[in-house]
């Protein structure tokens, strides 16, 4: 499973597991695309060359806009049976940054869906 092209990176804030509007932590995010797409996050930018603090696989994920420059990424338990379905709350510092991230993540998910549909028709 190759994930090799960094399409966007930068700081955003995320909440801990189980919380959708509290406990915001600043993290360095890296969106990588290839055969799949993954949004990795690190405590700070300087750690991005090492192991991620966590990651969100975008295959079978849904994206939604929320108030206060916040987006939710909902992952599916059906995609990876080792993980449960989860909603990630991620907040940007401003409207422009929010729109850039939303478009980048939405485009990655759309490409994955189109690729999957193309493979199913082959």
PDB file of N, CA and C in Angstrom:
ATOM      1  N   UNK A   1       0.852  -1.174   0.000  1.00  0.00           N
ATOM      2  CA  UNK A   1       0.000   0.000   0.000  1.00  0.00           C
ATOM      3  C   UNK A   1       0.892   1.229   0.000  1.00  0.00           C
ATOM      4  N   UNK A   2       1.024   1.882  -1.117  1.00  0.00           N
ATOM      5  CA  UNK A   2       1.918   3.031  -1.225  1.00  0.00           C
ATOM      6  C   UNK A   2       1.176   4.328  -0.911  1.00  0.00           C
ATOM      7  N   UNK A   3       1.732   5.085  -0.018  1.00  0.00           N
ATOM      8  CA  UNK A   3       1.250   6.435   0.294  1.00  0.00           C
ATOM      9  C   UNK A   3       2.497   7.292   0.211  1.00  0.00           C
ATOM     10  N   UNK A   4       2.609   8.096  -0.846  1.00  0.00           N
ATOM     11  CA  UNK A   4       3.910   8.699  -1.051  1.00  0.00           C
ATOM     12  C   UNK A   4       3.966  10.188  -1.328  1.00  0.00           C
ATOM     13  N   UNK A   5       2.891  10.833  -1.727  1.00  0.00           N
ATOM     14  CA  UNK A   5       2.955  12.239  -2.088  1.00  0.00           C
ATOM     15  C   UNK A   5       2.328  13.091  -0.984  1.00  0.00           C
ATOM     16  N   UNK A   6       3.091  14.046  -0.462  1.00  0.00           N
ATOM     17  CA  UNK A   6       2.550  14.977   0.530  1.00  0.00           C
ATOM     18  C   UNK A   6       1.796  16.062  -0.237  1.00  0.00           C
ATOM     19  N   UNK A   7       0.480  16.123  -0.023  1.00  0.00           N
ATOM     20  CA  UNK A   7      -0.312  17.123  -0.733  1.00  0.00           C
ATOM     21  C   UNK A   7      -0.589  18.352   0.120  1.00  0.00           C
ATOM     22  N   UNK A   8      -0.464  18.245   1.449  1.00  0.00           N
ATOM     23  CA  UNK A   8      -0.642  19.414   2.314  1.00  0.00           C
ATOM     24  C   UNK A   8      -0.074  19.092   3.688  1.00  0.00           C
ATOM     25  N   UNK A   9       0.439  20.109   4.347  1.00  0.00           N
ATOM     26  CA  UNK A   9       0.908  19.953   5.727  1.00  0.00           C
ATOM     27  C   UNK A   9       0.752  21.276   6.454  1.00  0.00           C
ATOM     28  N   UNK A  10       0.623  21.206   7.761  1.00  0.00           N
ATOM     29  CA  UNK A  10       0.509  22.415   8.570  1.00  0.00           C
ATOM     30  C   UNK A  10      -0.107  22.116   9.925  1.00  0.00           C
ATOM     31  N   UNK A  11      -0.129  23.157  10.770  1.00  0.00           N
ATOM     32  CA  UNK A  11      -0.684  22.998  12.109  1.00  0.00           C
ATOM     33  C   UNK A  11      -2.200  23.145  12.100  1.00  0.00           C
ATOM     34  N   UNK A  12      -2.850  22.267  12.851  1.00  0.00           N
ATOM     35  CA  UNK A  12      -4.266  22.366  13.181  1.00  0.00           C
ATOM     36  C   UNK A  12      -4.401  21.865  14.621  1.00  0.00           C
ATOM     37  N   UNK A  13      -5.602  21.850  15.125  1.00  0.00           N
ATOM     38  CA  UNK A  13      -5.860  21.394  16.489  1.00  0.00           C
ATOM     39  C   UNK A  13      -6.820  20.214  16.425  1.00  0.00           C
ATOM     40  N   UNK A  14      -6.589  19.207  17.269  1.00  0.00           N
ATOM     41  CA  UNK A  14      -7.504  18.067  17.332  1.00  0.00           C
ATOM     42  C   UNK A  14      -7.861  17.786  18.783  1.00  0.00           C
ATOM     43  N   UNK A  15      -8.982  17.111  18.947  1.00  0.00           N
ATOM     44  CA  UNK A  15      -9.427  16.742  20.285  1.00  0.00           C
ATOM     45  C   UNK A  15      -9.001  15.310  20.588  1.00  0.00           C
ATOM     46  N   UNK A  16      -8.926  14.973  21.862  1.00  0.00           N
ATOM     47  CA  UNK A  16      -8.629  13.579  22.224  1.00  0.00           C
ATOM     48  C   UNK A  16      -9.790  12.665  21.837  1.00  0.00           C
ATOM     49  N   UNK A  17      -9.528  11.390  21.752  1.00  0.00           N
ATOM     50  CA  UNK A  17     -10.552  10.403  21.416  1.00  0.00           C
ATOM     51  C   UNK A  17     -11.740  10.530  22.379  1.00  0.00           C
ATOM     52  N   UNK A  18     -12.933  10.515  21.821  1.00  0.00           N
ATOM     53  CA  UNK A  18     -14.146  10.586  22.633  1.00  0.00           C
ATOM     54  C   UNK A  18     -14.638  11.992  22.919  1.00  0.00           C
ATOM     55  N   UNK A  19     -13.878  13.003  22.530  1.00  0.00           N
ATOM     56  CA  UNK A  19     -14.291  14.388  22.759  1.00  0.00           C
ATOM     57  C   UNK A  19     -14.390  15.086  21.404  1.00  0.00           C
ATOM     58  N   UNK A  20     -15.432  15.894  21.224  1.00  0.00           N
ATOM     59  CA  UNK A  20     -15.598  16.588  19.951  1.00  0.00           C
ATOM     60  C   UNK A  20     -15.492  18.095  20.062  1.00  0.00           C
ATOM     61  N   UNK A  21     -15.428  18.628  21.293  1.00  0.00           N
ATOM     62  CA  UNK A  21     -15.355  20.082  21.403  1.00  0.00           C
ATOM     63  C   UNK A  21     -14.593  20.548  22.641  1.00  0.00           C
ATOM     64  N   UNK A  22     -13.664  19.740  23.120  1.00  0.00           N
ATOM     65  CA  UNK A  22     -12.870  20.172  24.269  1.00  0.00           C
ATOM     66  C   UNK A  22     -11.517  19.468  24.254  1.00  0.00           C
ATOM     67  N   UNK A  23     -10.579  20.030  24.977  1.00  0.00           N
ATOM     68  CA  UNK A  23      -9.256  19.424  25.077  1.00  0.00           C
ATOM     69  C   UNK A  23      -8.422  19.575  23.814  1.00  0.00           C
ATOM     70  N   UNK A  24      -8.620  20.658  23.074  1.00  0.00           N
ATOM     71  CA  UNK A  24      -7.929  20.857  21.796  1.00  0.00           C
ATOM     72  C   UNK A  24      -6.413  20.863  21.991  1.00  0.00           C
ATOM     73  N   UNK A  25      -5.713  20.106  21.148  1.00  0.00           N
ATOM     74  CA  UNK A  25      -4.244  20.045  21.164  1.00  0.00           C
ATOM     75  C   UNK A  25      -3.720  20.432  19.783  1.00  0.00           C
ATOM     76  N   UNK A  26      -2.728  21.312  19.763  1.00  0.00           N
ATOM     77  CA  UNK A  26      -2.106  21.717  18.500  1.00  0.00           C
ATOM     78  C   UNK A  26      -1.221  20.584  18.004  1.00  0.00           C
ATOM     79  N   UNK A  27      -1.406  20.223  16.719  1.00  0.00           N
ATOM     80  CA  UNK A  27      -0.640  19.148  16.115  1.00  0.00           C
ATOM     81  C   UNK A  27      -0.225  19.521  14.700  1.00  0.00           C
ATOM     82  N   UNK A  28       0.886  18.957  14.241  1.00  0.00           N
ATOM     83  CA  UNK A  28       1.351  19.122  12.868  1.00  0.00           C
ATOM     84  C   UNK A  28       0.719  17.997  12.044  1.00  0.00           C
ATOM     85  N   UNK A  29      -0.031  18.359  11.007  1.00  0.00           N
ATOM     86  CA  UNK A  29      -0.723  17.376  10.173  1.00  0.00           C
ATOM     87  C   UNK A  29      -0.061  17.281   8.807  1.00  0.00           C
ATOM     88  N   UNK A  30      -0.019  16.063   8.268  1.00  0.00           N
ATOM     89  CA  UNK A  30       0.532  15.814   6.940  1.00  0.00           C
ATOM     90  C   UNK A  30      -0.466  14.931   6.182  1.00  0.00           C
ATOM     91  N   UNK A  31      -0.960  15.449   5.059  1.00  0.00           N
ATOM     92  CA  UNK A  31      -1.860  14.691   4.190  1.00  0.00           C
ATOM     93  C   UNK A  31      -1.028  14.064   3.084  1.00  0.00           C
ATOM     94  N   UNK A  32      -1.017  12.725   3.033  1.00  0.00           N
ATOM     95  CA  UNK A  32      -0.259  11.982   2.018  1.00  0.00           C
ATOM     96  C   UNK A  32      -1.223  11.210   1.138  1.00  0.00           C
ATOM     97  N   UNK A  33      -0.912  11.198  -0.167  1.00  0.00           N
ATOM     98  CA  UNK A  33      -1.748  10.483  -1.115  1.00  0.00           C
ATOM     99  C   UNK A  33      -0.903   9.603  -2.009  1.00  0.00           C
ATOM    100  N   UNK A  34      -1.499   8.539  -2.475  1.00  0.00           N
ATOM    101  CA  UNK A  34      -0.886   7.572  -3.373  1.00  0.00           C
ATOM    102  C   UNK A  34      -1.957   6.570  -3.738  1.00  0.00           C
ATOM    103  N   UNK A  35      -1.708   5.286  -3.500  1.00  0.00           N
ATOM    104  CA  UNK A  35      -2.741   4.272  -3.704  1.00  0.00           C
ATOM    105  C   UNK A  35      -3.858   4.426  -2.692  1.00  0.00           C
ATOM    106  N   UNK A  36      -3.562   5.038  -1.577  1.00  0.00           N
ATOM    107  CA  UNK A  36      -4.553   5.364  -0.553  1.00  0.00           C
ATOM    108  C   UNK A  36      -4.259   6.790  -0.087  1.00  0.00           C
ATOM    109  N   UNK A  37      -4.958   7.253   0.930  1.00  0.00           N
ATOM    110  CA  UNK A  37      -4.702   8.593   1.479  1.00  0.00           C
ATOM    111  C   UNK A  37      -4.739   8.504   2.998  1.00  0.00           C
ATOM    112  N   UNK A  38      -3.845   9.254   3.622  1.00  0.00           N
ATOM    113  CA  UNK A  38      -3.710   9.202   5.063  1.00  0.00           C
ATOM    114  C   UNK A  38      -3.390  10.594   5.586  1.00  0.00           C
ATOM    115  N   UNK A  39      -4.034  10.959   6.693  1.00  0.00           N
ATOM    116  CA  UNK A  39      -3.754  12.205   7.387  1.00  0.00           C
ATOM    117  C   UNK A  39      -3.039  11.827   8.680  1.00  0.00           C
ATOM    118  N   UNK A  40      -1.731  12.069   8.710  1.00  0.00           N
ATOM    119  CA  UNK A  40      -0.916  11.762   9.898  1.00  0.00           C
ATOM    120  C   UNK A  40      -0.802  13.013  10.753  1.00  0.00           C
ATOM    121  N   UNK A  41      -0.599  12.822  12.056  1.00  0.00           N
ATOM    122  CA  UNK A  41      -0.374  13.982  12.913  1.00  0.00           C
ATOM    123  C   UNK A  41       0.743  13.702  13.904  1.00  0.00           C
ATOM    124  N   UNK A  42       1.427  14.794  14.249  1.00  0.00           N
ATOM    125  CA  UNK A  42       2.618  14.766  15.109  1.00  0.00           C
ATOM    126  C   UNK A  42       2.480  15.871  16.146  1.00  0.00           C
ATOM    127  N   UNK A  43       3.169  15.748  17.257  1.00  0.00           N
ATOM    128  CA  UNK A  43       3.100  16.789  18.281  1.00  0.00           C
ATOM    129  C   UNK A  43       3.661  18.111  17.769  1.00  0.00           C
ATOM    130  N   UNK A  44       4.711  18.035  16.934  1.00  0.00           N
ATOM    131  CA  UNK A  44       5.276  19.255  16.348  1.00  0.00           C
ATOM    132  C   UNK A  44       5.906  18.936  15.000  1.00  0.00           C
ATOM    133  N   UNK A  45       6.125  19.959  14.213  1.00  0.00           N
ATOM    134  CA  UNK A  45       6.639  19.796  12.853  1.00  0.00           C
ATOM    135  C   UNK A  45       7.966  19.052  12.816  1.00  0.00           C
ATOM    136  N   UNK A  46       8.838  19.327  13.769  1.00  0.00           N
ATOM    137  CA  UNK A  46      10.168  18.713  13.767  1.00  0.00           C
ATOM    138  C   UNK A  46      10.120  17.192  13.948  1.00  0.00           C
ATOM    139  N   UNK A  47       8.992  16.641  14.376  1.00  0.00           N
ATOM    140  CA  UNK A  47       8.863  15.192  14.568  1.00  0.00           C
ATOM    141  C   UNK A  47       8.330  14.482  13.320  1.00  0.00           C
ATOM    142  N   UNK A  48       8.001  15.243  12.275  1.00  0.00           N
ATOM    143  CA  UNK A  48       7.331  14.679  11.101  1.00  0.00           C
ATOM    144  C   UNK A  48       8.184  13.679  10.317  1.00  0.00           C
ATOM    145  N   UNK A  49       9.475  13.669  10.524  1.00  0.00           N
ATOM    146  CA  UNK A  49      10.314  12.690   9.826  1.00  0.00           C
ATOM    147  C   UNK A  49      10.350  11.350  10.561  1.00  0.00           C
ATOM    148  N   UNK A  50       9.778  11.316  11.770  1.00  0.00           N
ATOM    149  CA  UNK A  50       9.753  10.080  12.553  1.00  0.00           C
ATOM    150  C   UNK A  50       8.369   9.448  12.550  1.00  0.00           C
ATOM    151  N   UNK A  51       8.094   8.704  13.584  1.00  0.00           N
ATOM    152  CA  UNK A  51       6.797   8.033  13.704  1.00  0.00           C
ATOM    153  C   UNK A  51       5.711   9.024  14.102  1.00  0.00           C
ATOM    154  N   UNK A  52       4.555   8.894  13.460  1.00  0.00           N
ATOM    155  CA  UNK A  52       3.425   9.775  13.750  1.00  0.00           C
ATOM    156  C   UNK A  52       2.832   9.464  15.117  1.00  0.00           C
ATOM    157  N   UNK A  53       2.271  10.497  15.757  1.00  0.00           N
ATOM    158  CA  UNK A  53       1.525  10.284  17.002  1.00  0.00           C
ATOM    159  C   UNK A  53       0.249   9.507  16.712  1.00  0.00           C
ATOM    160  N   UNK A  54      -0.273   9.698  15.499  1.00  0.00           N
ATOM    161  CA  UNK A  54      -1.474   8.998  15.074  1.00  0.00           C
ATOM    162  C   UNK A  54      -1.730   9.265  13.609  1.00  0.00           C
ATOM    163  N   UNK A  55      -2.720   8.587  13.062  1.00  0.00           N
ATOM    164  CA  UNK A  55      -3.058   8.796  11.659  1.00  0.00           C
ATOM    165  C   UNK A  55      -4.519   8.466  11.428  1.00  0.00           C
ATOM    166  N   UNK A  56      -5.060   9.029  10.361  1.00  0.00           N
ATOM    167  CA  UNK A  56      -6.445   8.803   9.964  1.00  0.00           C
ATOM    168  C   UNK A  56      -6.415   8.295   8.535  1.00  0.00           C
ATOM    169  N   UNK A  57      -6.845   7.055   8.323  1.00  0.00           N
ATOM    170  CA  UNK A  57      -6.953   6.518   6.974  1.00  0.00           C
ATOM    171  C   UNK A  57      -8.227   7.100   6.351  1.00  0.00           C
ATOM    172  N   UNK A  58      -8.092   7.683   5.176  1.00  0.00           N
ATOM    173  CA  UNK A  58      -9.216   8.379   4.564  1.00  0.00           C
ATOM    174  C   UNK A  58     -10.072   7.501   3.659  1.00  0.00           C
ATOM    175  N   UNK A  59      -9.627   6.276   3.388  1.00  0.00           N
ATOM    176  CA  UNK A  59     -10.463   5.370   2.612  1.00  0.00           C
ATOM    177  C   UNK A  59     -11.690   5.016   3.455  1.00  0.00           C
ATOM    178  N   UNK A  60     -12.854   5.080   2.857  1.00  0.00           N
ATOM    179  CA  UNK A  60     -14.125   4.817   3.540  1.00  0.00           C
ATOM    180  C   UNK A  60     -14.426   5.859   4.614  1.00  0.00           C
ATOM    181  N   UNK A  61     -13.853   7.054   4.512  1.00  0.00           N
ATOM    182  CA  UNK A  61     -14.104   8.119   5.489  1.00  0.00           C
ATOM    183  C   UNK A  61     -15.083   9.131   4.915  1.00  0.00           C
ATOM    184  N   UNK A  62     -15.754   9.846   5.801  1.00  0.00           N
ATOM    185  CA  UNK A  62     -16.657  10.933   5.412  1.00  0.00           C
ATOM    186  C   UNK A  62     -16.165  12.213   6.077  1.00  0.00           C
ATOM    187  N   UNK A  63     -16.394  13.326   5.411  1.00  0.00           N
ATOM    188  CA  UNK A  63     -15.918  14.625   5.874  1.00  0.00           C
ATOM    189  C   UNK A  63     -17.112  15.548   6.031  1.00  0.00           C
ATOM    190  N   UNK A  64     -17.160  16.318   7.121  1.00  0.00           N
ATOM    191  CA  UNK A  64     -18.260  17.276   7.293  1.00  0.00           C
ATOM    192  C   UNK A  64     -17.754  18.582   7.879  1.00  0.00           C
ATOM    193  N   UNK A  65     -18.429  19.674   7.474  1.00  0.00           N
ATOM    194  CA  UNK A  65     -18.130  21.011   7.993  1.00  0.00           C
ATOM    195  C   UNK A  65     -18.860  21.209   9.310  1.00  0.00           C
ATOM    196  N   UNK A  66     -18.171  21.844  10.252  1.00  0.00           N
ATOM    197  CA  UNK A  66     -18.758  22.156  11.543  1.00  0.00           C
ATOM    198  C   UNK A  66     -18.495  23.637  11.848  1.00  0.00           C
ATOM    199  N   UNK A  67     -19.193  24.210  12.832  1.00  0.00           N
ATOM    200  CA  UNK A  67     -18.943  25.617  13.192  1.00  0.00           C
ATOM    201  C   UNK A  67     -17.516  25.848  13.700  1.00  0.00           C
ATOM    202  N   UNK A  68     -17.110  27.086  13.746  1.00  0.00           N
ATOM    203  CA  UNK A  68     -15.828  27.518  14.328  1.00  0.00           C
ATOM    204  C   UNK A  68     -14.624  26.925  13.615  1.00  0.00           C
ATOM    205  N   UNK A  69     -14.642  26.921  12.258  1.00  0.00           N
ATOM    206  CA  UNK A  69     -13.501  26.440  11.464  1.00  0.00           C
ATOM    207  C   UNK A  69     -13.124  25.004  11.818  1.00  0.00           C
ATOM    208  N   UNK A  70     -14.127  24.194  12.104  1.00  0.00           N
ATOM    209  CA  UNK A  70     -13.908  22.810  12.518  1.00  0.00           C
ATOM    210  C   UNK A  70     -14.426  21.856  11.459  1.00  0.00           C
ATOM    211  N   UNK A  71     -13.695  20.768  11.264  1.00  0.00           N
ATOM    212  CA  UNK A  71     -14.163  19.710  10.382  1.00  0.00           C
ATOM    213  C   UNK A  71     -14.179  18.407  11.159  1.00  0.00           C
ATOM    214  N   UNK A  72     -15.076  17.522  10.758  1.00  0.00           N
ATOM    215  CA  UNK A  72     -15.135  16.186  11.331  1.00  0.00           C
ATOM    216  C   UNK A  72     -14.788  15.191  10.242  1.00  0.00           C
ATOM    217  N   UNK A  73     -13.945  14.232  10.578  1.00  0.00           N
ATOM    218  CA  UNK A  73     -13.651  13.107   9.697  1.00  0.00           C
ATOM    219  C   UNK A  73     -14.189  11.871  10.405  1.00  0.00           C
ATOM    220  N   UNK A  74     -15.131  11.204   9.746  1.00  0.00           N
ATOM    221  CA  UNK A  74     -15.748  10.017  10.319  1.00  0.00           C
ATOM    222  C   UNK A  74     -15.188   8.811   9.584  1.00  0.00           C
ATOM    223  N   UNK A  75     -14.522   7.929  10.320  1.00  0.00           N
ATOM    224  CA  UNK A  75     -13.941   6.730   9.707  1.00  0.00           C
ATOM    225  C   UNK A  75     -14.887   5.557   9.904  1.00  0.00           C
ATOM    226  N   UNK A  76     -14.764   4.582   9.042  1.00  0.00           N
ATOM    227  CA  UNK A  76     -15.644   3.423   9.053  1.00  0.00           C
ATOM    228  C   UNK A  76     -14.966   2.228   9.705  1.00  0.00           C
ATOM    229  N   UNK A  77     -15.687   1.553  10.577  1.00  0.00           N
ATOM    230  CA  UNK A  77     -15.164   0.329  11.196  1.00  0.00           C
ATOM    231  C   UNK A  77     -15.092  -0.799  10.173  1.00  0.00           C
ATOM    232  N   UNK A  78     -15.887  -0.709   9.101  1.00  0.00           N
ATOM    233  CA  UNK A  78     -15.900  -1.751   8.077  1.00  0.00           C
ATOM    234  C   UNK A  78     -14.597  -1.816   7.304  1.00  0.00           C
ATOM    235  N   UNK A  79     -13.890  -0.673   7.183  1.00  0.00           N
ATOM    236  CA  UNK A  79     -12.657  -0.632   6.409  1.00  0.00           C
ATOM    237  C   UNK A  79     -11.534  -1.377   7.113  1.00  0.00           C
ATOM    238  N   UNK A  80     -11.385  -1.138   8.382  1.00  0.00           N
ATOM    239  CA  UNK A  80     -10.299  -1.761   9.141  1.00  0.00           C
ATOM    240  C   UNK A  80     -10.902  -2.398  10.385  1.00  0.00           C
ATOM    241  N   UNK A  81     -11.024  -3.687  10.405  1.00  0.00           N
ATOM    242  CA  UNK A  81     -11.709  -4.368  11.500  1.00  0.00           C
ATOM    243  C   UNK A  81     -10.949  -4.287  12.817  1.00  0.00           C
ATOM    244  N   UNK A  82      -9.702  -3.840  12.783  1.00  0.00           N
ATOM    245  CA  UNK A  82      -8.946  -3.680  14.032  1.00  0.00           C
ATOM    246  C   UNK A  82      -9.306  -2.385  14.749  1.00  0.00           C
ATOM    247  N   UNK A  83     -10.027  -1.509  14.068  1.00  0.00           N
ATOM    248  CA  UNK A  83     -10.377  -0.214  14.646  1.00  0.00           C
ATOM    249  C   UNK A  83     -11.883  -0.019  14.617  1.00  0.00           C
ATOM    250  N   UNK A  84     -12.379   0.708  15.586  1.00  0.00           N
ATOM    251  CA  UNK A  84     -13.800   1.022  15.609  1.00  0.00           C
ATOM    252  C   UNK A  84     -14.064   2.299  14.813  1.00  0.00           C
ATOM    253  N   UNK A  85     -15.305   2.497  14.448  1.00  0.00           N
ATOM    254  CA  UNK A  85     -15.696   3.726  13.784  1.00  0.00           C
ATOM    255  C   UNK A  85     -15.378   4.893  14.727  1.00  0.00           C
ATOM    256  N   UNK A  86     -14.913   5.989  14.175  1.00  0.00           N
ATOM    257  CA  UNK A  86     -14.506   7.116  15.022  1.00  0.00           C
ATOM    258  C   UNK A  86     -14.731   8.431  14.302  1.00  0.00           C
ATOM    259  N   UNK A  87     -15.065   9.447  15.071  1.00  0.00           N
ATOM    260  CA  UNK A  87     -15.172  10.804  14.542  1.00  0.00           C
ATOM    261  C   UNK A  87     -14.004  11.615  15.087  1.00  0.00           C
ATOM    262  N   UNK A  88     -13.220  12.174  14.188  1.00  0.00           N
ATOM    263  CA  UNK A  88     -12.102  13.049  14.552  1.00  0.00           C
ATOM    264  C   UNK A  88     -12.553  14.491  14.391  1.00  0.00           C
ATOM    265  N   UNK A  89     -12.379  15.293  15.425  1.00  0.00           N
ATOM    266  CA  UNK A  89     -12.678  16.725  15.354  1.00  0.00           C
ATOM    267  C   UNK A  89     -11.359  17.468  15.178  1.00  0.00           C
ATOM    268  N   UNK A  90     -11.284  18.266  14.113  1.00  0.00           N
ATOM    269  CA  UNK A  90     -10.060  18.998  13.790  1.00  0.00           C
ATOM    270  C   UNK A  90     -10.431  20.443  13.523  1.00  0.00           C
ATOM    271  N   UNK A  91      -9.716  21.368  14.147  1.00  0.00           N
ATOM    272  CA  UNK A  91     -10.027  22.796  14.044  1.00  0.00           C
ATOM    273  C   UNK A  91      -8.852  23.554  13.445  1.00  0.00           C
ATOM    274  N   UNK A  92      -9.167  24.470  12.561  1.00  0.00           N
ATOM    275  CA  UNK A  92      -8.165  25.353  11.950  1.00  0.00           C
ATOM    276  C   UNK A  92      -8.215  26.719  12.624  1.00  0.00           C
ATOM    277  N   UNK A  93      -7.146  27.498  12.461  1.00  0.00           N
ATOM    278  CA  UNK A  93      -7.077  28.810  13.100  1.00  0.00           C
ATOM    279  C   UNK A  93      -7.908  29.881  12.401  1.00  0.00           C
ATOM    280  N   UNK A  94      -8.241  29.687  11.127  1.00  0.00           N
ATOM    281  CA  UNK A  94      -9.007  30.700  10.411  1.00  0.00           C
ATOM    282  C   UNK A  94      -9.763  30.107   9.238  1.00  0.00           C
ATOM    283  N   UNK A  95     -10.609  30.922   8.625  1.00  0.00           N
ATOM    284  CA  UNK A  95     -11.457  30.475   7.529  1.00  0.00           C
ATOM    285  C   UNK A  95     -10.654  30.024   6.312  1.00  0.00           C
ATOM    286  N   UNK A  96      -9.640  30.803   5.932  1.00  0.00           N
ATOM    287  CA  UNK A  96      -8.837  30.439   4.753  1.00  0.00           C
ATOM    288  C   UNK A  96      -8.150  29.088   4.939  1.00  0.00           C
ATOM    289  N   UNK A  97      -7.518  28.915   6.085  1.00  0.00           N
ATOM    290  CA  UNK A  97      -6.837  27.653   6.393  1.00  0.00           C
ATOM    291  C   UNK A  97      -7.847  26.507   6.413  1.00  0.00           C
ATOM    292  N   UNK A  98      -9.029  26.753   7.003  1.00  0.00           N
ATOM    293  CA  UNK A  98     -10.073  25.731   7.041  1.00  0.00           C
ATOM    294  C   UNK A  98     -10.471  25.313   5.625  1.00  0.00           C
ATOM    295  N   UNK A  99     -10.708  26.285   4.747  1.00  0.00           N
ATOM    296  CA  UNK A  99     -11.126  25.974   3.372  1.00  0.00           C
ATOM    297  C   UNK A  99     -10.047  25.189   2.627  1.00  0.00           C
ATOM    298  N   UNK A 100      -8.786  25.565   2.821  1.00  0.00           N
ATOM    299  CA  UNK A 100      -7.691  24.851   2.159  1.00  0.00           C
ATOM    300  C   UNK A 100      -7.623  23.390   2.618  1.00  0.00           C
ATOM    301  N   UNK A 101      -7.708  23.176   3.920  1.00  0.00           N
ATOM    302  CA  UNK A 101      -7.657  21.814   4.441  1.00  0.00           C
ATOM    303  C   UNK A 101      -8.888  21.021   4.024  1.00  0.00           C
ATOM    304  N   UNK A 102     -10.057  21.641   4.130  1.00  0.00           N
ATOM    305  CA  UNK A 102     -11.288  20.940   3.762  1.00  0.00           C
ATOM    306  C   UNK A 102     -11.219  20.489   2.306  1.00  0.00           C
ATOM    307  N   UNK A 103     -10.802  21.391   1.417  1.00  0.00           N
ATOM    308  CA  UNK A 103     -10.713  21.045  -0.002  1.00  0.00           C
ATOM    309  C   UNK A 103      -9.680  19.941  -0.256  1.00  0.00           C
ATOM    310  N   UNK A 104      -8.540  20.013   0.403  1.00  0.00           N
ATOM    311  CA  UNK A 104      -7.484  19.009   0.207  1.00  0.00           C
ATOM    312  C   UNK A 104      -7.956  17.627   0.671  1.00  0.00           C
ATOM    313  N   UNK A 105      -8.581  17.561   1.845  1.00  0.00           N
ATOM    314  CA  UNK A 105      -9.050  16.274   2.368  1.00  0.00           C
ATOM    315  C   UNK A 105     -10.217  15.759   1.528  1.00  0.00           C
ATOM    316  N   UNK A 106     -11.135  16.651   1.174  1.00  0.00           N
ATOM    317  CA  UNK A 106     -12.275  16.262   0.342  1.00  0.00           C
ATOM    318  C   UNK A 106     -11.809  15.728  -1.014  1.00  0.00           C
ATOM    319  N   UNK A 107     -10.830  16.381  -1.612  1.00  0.00           N
ATOM    320  CA  UNK A 107     -10.294  15.925  -2.904  1.00  0.00           C
ATOM    321  C   UNK A 107      -9.647  14.551  -2.773  1.00  0.00           C
ATOM    322  N   UNK A 108      -8.921  14.327  -1.687  1.00  0.00           N
ATOM    323  CA  UNK A 108      -8.276  13.024  -1.470  1.00  0.00           C
ATOM    324  C   UNK A 108      -9.330  11.923  -1.334  1.00  0.00           C
ATOM    325  N   UNK A 109     -10.387  12.184  -0.575  1.00  0.00           N
ATOM    326  CA  UNK A 109     -11.459  11.197  -0.404  1.00  0.00           C
ATOM    327  C   UNK A 109     -12.166  10.946  -1.732  1.00  0.00           C
ATOM    328  N   UNK A 110     -12.434  12.012  -2.486  1.00  0.00           N
ATOM    329  CA  UNK A 110     -13.101  11.881  -3.783  1.00  0.00           C
ATOM    330  C   UNK A 110     -12.265  11.053  -4.749  1.00  0.00           C
ATOM    331  N   UNK A 111     -10.947  11.286  -4.777  1.00  0.00           N
ATOM    332  CA  UNK A 111     -10.063  10.500  -5.640  1.00  0.00           C
ATOM    333  C   UNK A 111     -10.075   9.019  -5.255  1.00  0.00           C
ATOM    334  N   UNK A 112     -10.056   8.751  -3.961  1.00  0.00           N
ATOM    335  CA  UNK A 112     -10.101   7.355  -3.498  1.00  0.00           C
ATOM    336  C   UNK A 112     -11.393   6.677  -3.951  1.00  0.00           C
ATOM    337  N   UNK A 113     -12.511   7.375  -3.837  1.00  0.00           N
ATOM    338  CA  UNK A 113     -13.799   6.809  -4.234  1.00  0.00           C
ATOM    339  C   UNK A 113     -13.829   6.562  -5.735  1.00  0.00           C
ATOM    340  N   UNK A 114     -13.302   7.500  -6.526  1.00  0.00           N
ATOM    341  CA  UNK A 114     -13.274   7.333  -7.986  1.00  0.00           C
ATOM    342  C   UNK A 114     -12.366   6.170  -8.377  1.00  0.00           C
ATOM    343  N   UNK A 115     -11.208   6.057  -7.731  1.00  0.00           N
ATOM    344  CA  UNK A 115     -10.295   4.939  -8.008  1.00  0.00           C
ATOM    345  C   UNK A 115     -10.944   3.603  -7.677  1.00  0.00           C
ATOM    346  N   UNK A 116     -11.630   3.564  -6.544  1.00  0.00           N
ATOM    347  CA  UNK A 116     -12.300   2.333  -6.106  1.00  0.00           C
ATOM    348  C   UNK A 116     -13.401   1.958  -7.107  1.00  0.00           C
ATOM    349  N   UNK A 117     -14.169   2.950  -7.556  1.00  0.00           N
ATOM    350  CA  UNK A 117     -15.241   2.694  -8.528  1.00  0.00           C
ATOM    351  C   UNK A 117     -14.638   2.212  -9.852  1.00  0.00           C
ATOM    352  N   UNK A 118     -13.521   2.797 -10.265  1.00  0.00           N
ATOM    353  CA  UNK A 118     -12.856   2.384 -11.506  1.00  0.00           C
ATOM    354  C   UNK A 118     -12.356   0.956 -11.422  1.00  0.00           C
ATOM    355  N   UNK A 119     -11.800   0.580 -10.265  1.00  0.00           N
ATOM    356  CA  UNK A 119     -11.323  -0.803 -10.088  1.00  0.00           C
ATOM    357  C   UNK A 119     -12.488  -1.782 -10.105  1.00  0.00           C
ATOM    358  N   UNK A 120     -13.635  -1.368  -9.545  1.00  0.00           N
ATOM    359  CA  UNK A 120     -14.798  -2.251  -9.497  1.00  0.00           C
ATOM    360  C   UNK A 120     -15.353  -2.502 -10.907  1.00  0.00           C
ATOM    361  N   UNK A 121     -15.194  -1.517 -11.789  1.00  0.00           N
ATOM    362  CA  UNK A 121     -15.701  -1.658 -13.165  1.00  0.00           C
ATOM    363  C   UNK A 121     -14.741  -2.433 -14.055  1.00  0.00           C
ATOM    364  N   UNK A 122     -13.498  -2.574 -13.634  1.00  0.00           N
ATOM    365  CA  UNK A 122     -12.493  -3.268 -14.460  1.00  0.00           C
ATOM    366  C   UNK A 122     -12.690  -4.761 -14.466  1.00  0.00           C
TER     367      UNK A 122
END
